[in-house]
């Protein structure tokens, strides 16, 4: 086990723009306490896997639909994570909700980025464009993104970082989504990966 950095796995479902932000931050030295060693997609053919391969990171698919039960899917996920001695799990556009038994195994070692200022527009059913549609429907003037620890409640874990983003006249959900990604998500997630990775290293030194 390398004691110089935390071993990070990024779980994805789609295009992987947040994964790319993490990979770029590793290259630039913004993330120095953690290293992405594994990318797992729960859907076949996700472009995020191509991003991982281009960066020289081990990538695989553990397709949710290939398993009859959620428990079987999570068992396969856990086996792969243990194989790679993963210290920190990052959910970056990962659409599968993890069970309480899974999250307990990695308490305070799973983080997620959500495209709103939690506790607004969060919880079950709030993901992707749906979050921005709800924000515009409500007429909020400020939205943003939140990185939080993952527990058994969707978007219910302790908040790590938040960043506000202005809502502008004429915004569509798509325009707002891009602004929140660019100004908040792609900055917050790498910062949180570094923060939590450095905490993991500190705890390791204390042992």
Protein backbone atom coordinates (compact mmCIF):
# COMPACT_ATOMS: atom_id res chain seq x y z
CA UNK A 1 0.00 0.00 0.00
CA UNK A 2 1.36 3.39 -1.00
CA UNK A 3 1.41 5.70 1.98
CA UNK A 4 2.16 8.82 -0.06
CA UNK A 5 -1.34 9.21 -1.48
CA UNK A 6 -4.93 8.07 -1.03
CA UNK A 7 -6.09 5.59 -3.68
CA UNK A 8 -9.18 7.07 -5.34
CA UNK A 9 -11.92 5.32 -7.34
CA UNK A 10 -14.35 7.40 -9.38
CA UNK A 11 -17.79 5.92 -10.07
CA UNK A 12 -19.57 7.17 -13.18
CA UNK A 13 -22.63 6.58 -15.36
CA UNK A 14 -22.20 8.85 -18.38
CA UNK A 15 -19.97 11.37 -20.12
CA UNK A 16 -17.62 11.97 -17.22
CA UNK A 17 -17.14 15.76 -17.25
CA UNK A 18 -16.67 15.75 -13.47
CA UNK A 19 -14.21 12.86 -13.82
CA UNK A 20 -12.29 14.97 -16.36
CA UNK A 21 -12.16 17.86 -13.88
CA UNK A 22 -10.61 15.49 -11.31
CA UNK A 23 -8.11 14.05 -13.79
CA UNK A 24 -7.09 17.57 -14.91
CA UNK A 25 -6.67 18.64 -11.28
CA UNK A 26 -4.37 15.65 -10.69
CA UNK A 27 -2.25 16.65 -13.70
CA UNK A 28 -2.06 20.28 -12.53
CA UNK A 29 -1.08 19.30 -8.98
CA UNK A 30 -4.30 20.66 -7.44
CA UNK A 31 -4.89 17.13 -6.18
CA UNK A 32 -1.63 15.91 -4.67
CA UNK A 33 -2.80 13.83 -1.70
CA UNK A 34 -4.92 11.48 -3.83
CA UNK A 35 -4.45 9.53 -7.05
CA UNK A 36 -7.22 8.19 -9.30
CA UNK A 37 -6.37 4.51 -9.76
CA UNK A 38 -9.76 3.16 -10.86
CA UNK A 39 -12.86 4.31 -12.77
CA UNK A 40 -16.00 2.15 -12.69
CA UNK A 41 -19.09 2.73 -14.83
CA UNK A 42 -22.46 1.16 -14.02
CA UNK A 43 -23.53 1.52 -17.67
CA UNK A 44 -22.05 0.01 -20.83
CA UNK A 45 -20.22 2.32 -23.22
CA UNK A 46 -20.03 5.39 -20.97
CA UNK A 47 -17.69 8.01 -22.47
CA UNK A 48 -16.16 8.46 -19.00
CA UNK A 49 -14.36 5.14 -19.57
CA UNK A 50 -12.66 6.59 -22.65
CA UNK A 51 -11.56 9.61 -20.59
CA UNK A 52 -10.05 7.26 -18.00
CA UNK A 53 -8.23 5.20 -20.64
CA UNK A 54 -6.80 8.37 -22.25
CA UNK A 55 -5.45 9.36 -18.83
CA UNK A 56 -3.89 5.93 -18.32
CA UNK A 57 -6.28 5.03 -15.49
CA UNK A 58 -7.63 1.50 -15.07
CA UNK A 59 -11.31 1.46 -16.10
CA UNK A 60 -14.06 -1.14 -16.11
CA UNK A 61 -17.81 -1.59 -16.40
CA UNK A 62 -19.89 -3.23 -13.70
CA UNK A 63 -23.27 -2.90 -15.38
CA UNK A 64 -26.15 -2.67 -12.95
CA UNK A 65 -28.53 -4.33 -15.40
CA UNK A 66 -26.29 -7.42 -15.53
CA UNK A 67 -27.22 -8.28 -11.94
CA UNK A 68 -30.55 -9.61 -10.73
CA UNK A 69 -30.43 -7.75 -7.42
CA UNK A 70 -28.96 -4.55 -6.01
CA UNK A 71 -27.11 -6.65 -3.43
CA UNK A 72 -25.39 -8.68 -6.18
CA UNK A 73 -24.43 -5.50 -8.04
CA UNK A 74 -22.97 -3.93 -4.88
CA UNK A 75 -21.11 -7.14 -4.03
CA UNK A 76 -19.35 -6.99 -7.43
CA UNK A 77 -18.62 -3.29 -6.90
CA UNK A 78 -17.14 -3.91 -3.43
CA UNK A 79 -15.00 -6.78 -4.69
CA UNK A 80 -13.40 -4.55 -7.35
CA UNK A 81 -12.84 -1.70 -4.88
CA UNK A 82 -11.19 -4.04 -2.36
CA UNK A 83 -9.02 -5.51 -5.10
CA UNK A 84 -7.59 -2.04 -5.72
CA UNK A 85 -7.28 -1.12 -2.00
CA UNK A 86 -9.43 1.96 -2.51
CA UNK A 87 -9.30 4.63 0.19
CA UNK A 88 -11.77 7.15 -1.26
CA UNK A 89 -14.77 6.71 -3.55
CA UNK A 90 -15.96 9.68 -5.63
CA UNK A 91 -19.43 9.61 -7.18
CA UNK A 92 -19.19 11.74 -10.32
CA UNK A 93 -22.52 11.59 -12.12
CA UNK A 94 -23.10 8.09 -10.72
CA UNK A 95 -26.83 7.42 -10.92
CA UNK A 96 -27.07 4.24 -8.82
CA UNK A 97 -28.16 4.88 -5.23
CA UNK A 98 -25.94 2.96 -2.82
CA UNK A 99 -27.46 1.01 0.07
CA UNK A 100 -26.89 1.67 3.77
CA UNK A 101 -24.80 -1.50 4.11
CA UNK A 102 -22.50 -0.31 1.30
CA UNK A 103 -22.08 3.25 2.58
CA UNK A 104 -21.37 2.00 6.14
CA UNK A 105 -18.36 0.05 4.84
CA UNK A 106 -16.85 3.33 3.57
CA UNK A 107 -18.11 5.78 6.18
CA UNK A 108 -16.74 9.29 5.51
CA UNK A 109 -14.88 7.89 2.50
CA UNK A 110 -17.54 8.31 -0.20
CA UNK A 111 -18.17 11.78 -1.62
CA UNK A 112 -20.67 13.06 -4.16
CA UNK A 113 -21.23 16.31 -6.04
CA UNK A 114 -24.82 17.55 -6.29
CA UNK A 115 -25.85 20.44 -8.58
CA UNK A 116 -27.67 22.58 -6.01
CA UNK A 117 -27.08 24.22 -2.66
CA UNK A 118 -28.21 21.41 -0.36
CA UNK A 119 -30.76 21.28 1.33
CA UNK A 120 -32.50 22.84 -1.69
CA UNK A 121 -33.53 20.64 -4.64
CA UNK A 122 -31.98 17.44 -3.39
CA UNK A 123 -32.90 13.91 -2.37
CA UNK A 124 -34.46 11.07 -4.33
CA UNK A 125 -35.48 11.99 -7.86
CA UNK A 126 -33.36 15.14 -8.00
CA UNK A 127 -30.51 14.56 -10.45
CA UNK A 128 -29.17 16.03 -13.68
CA UNK A 129 -31.40 18.54 -15.45
CA UNK A 130 -34.28 17.84 -13.02
CA UNK A 131 -32.43 19.83 -10.35
CA UNK A 132 -32.06 22.89 -12.59
CA UNK A 133 -35.66 22.63 -13.83
CA UNK A 134 -36.85 22.69 -10.21
CA UNK A 135 -34.62 25.67 -9.36
CA UNK A 136 -35.94 27.70 -12.32
CA UNK A 137 -39.53 26.71 -11.57
CA UNK A 138 -39.12 27.97 -8.00
CA UNK A 139 -37.61 31.24 -9.25
CA UNK A 140 -34.49 31.17 -7.09
CA UNK A 141 -31.91 33.85 -7.82
CA UNK A 142 -28.96 31.83 -6.55
CA UNK A 143 -28.18 28.15 -6.99
CA UNK A 144 -24.84 26.31 -6.99
CA UNK A 145 -23.27 22.97 -6.15
CA UNK A 146 -22.48 20.95 -3.04
CA UNK A 147 -19.95 18.23 -2.34
CA UNK A 148 -21.02 16.03 0.55
CA UNK A 149 -20.25 12.72 2.20
CA UNK A 150 -22.56 9.90 1.14
CA UNK A 151 -24.67 8.02 3.65
CA UNK A 152 -27.85 5.94 3.44
CA UNK A 153 -30.01 9.03 2.72
CA UNK A 154 -29.79 10.40 -0.85
CA UNK A 155 -27.90 13.74 -0.63
CA UNK A 156 -28.17 13.46 3.16
CA UNK A 157 -24.53 13.23 4.25
CA UNK A 158 -22.43 15.93 5.90
CA UNK A 159 -21.57 18.86 3.61
CA UNK A 160 -17.88 19.29 2.71
CA UNK A 161 -17.91 22.28 0.32
CA UNK A 162 -20.48 24.54 -1.36
CA UNK A 163 -20.29 27.24 -4.02
CA UNK A 164 -23.04 29.63 -5.08
CA UNK A 165 -23.83 30.44 -8.71
CA UNK A 166 -26.14 33.22 -9.94
CA UNK A 167 -29.31 32.39 -11.86
CA UNK A 168 -29.75 34.78 -14.80
CA UNK A 169 -32.80 36.03 -16.68
CA UNK A 170 -33.50 33.84 -19.68
CA UNK A 171 -31.73 30.79 -18.24
CA UNK A 172 -32.88 27.41 -19.50
CA UNK A 173 -32.16 24.26 -17.47
CA UNK A 174 -29.40 23.41 -19.98
CA UNK A 175 -27.73 26.85 -19.76
CA UNK A 176 -27.94 26.82 -15.96
CA UNK A 177 -26.55 23.29 -15.81
CA UNK A 178 -23.48 24.29 -17.84
CA UNK A 179 -22.86 27.38 -15.69
CA UNK A 180 -23.13 25.40 -12.44
CA UNK A 181 -20.74 22.78 -13.80
CA UNK A 182 -18.19 25.32 -15.01
CA UNK A 183 -18.27 27.69 -12.03
CA UNK A 184 -18.98 25.27 -9.19
CA UNK A 185 -18.88 21.51 -9.79
CA UNK A 186 -15.58 21.37 -11.69
CA UNK A 187 -13.89 23.49 -9.00
CA UNK A 188 -15.49 22.03 -5.88
CA UNK A 189 -15.09 18.34 -6.63
CA UNK A 190 -11.29 18.37 -7.16
CA UNK A 191 -10.91 20.60 -4.07
CA UNK A 192 -12.95 18.14 -2.01
CA UNK A 193 -10.96 15.16 -3.33
CA UNK A 194 -7.75 16.86 -2.19
CA UNK A 195 -9.25 17.83 1.18
CA UNK A 196 -10.59 14.37 2.04
CA UNK A 197 -7.50 12.61 0.63
CA UNK A 198 -5.24 14.74 2.83
CA UNK A 199 -7.41 13.87 5.86
CA UNK A 200 -7.10 10.16 5.02
CA UNK A 201 -3.29 10.53 4.86
CA UNK A 202 -3.23 12.35 8.21
CA UNK A 203 -5.25 9.57 9.87
CA UNK A 204 -2.91 6.99 8.34
CA UNK A 205 0.11 8.76 9.88
CA UNK A 206 -1.56 8.76 13.30
CA UNK A 207 -1.95 4.99 13.32
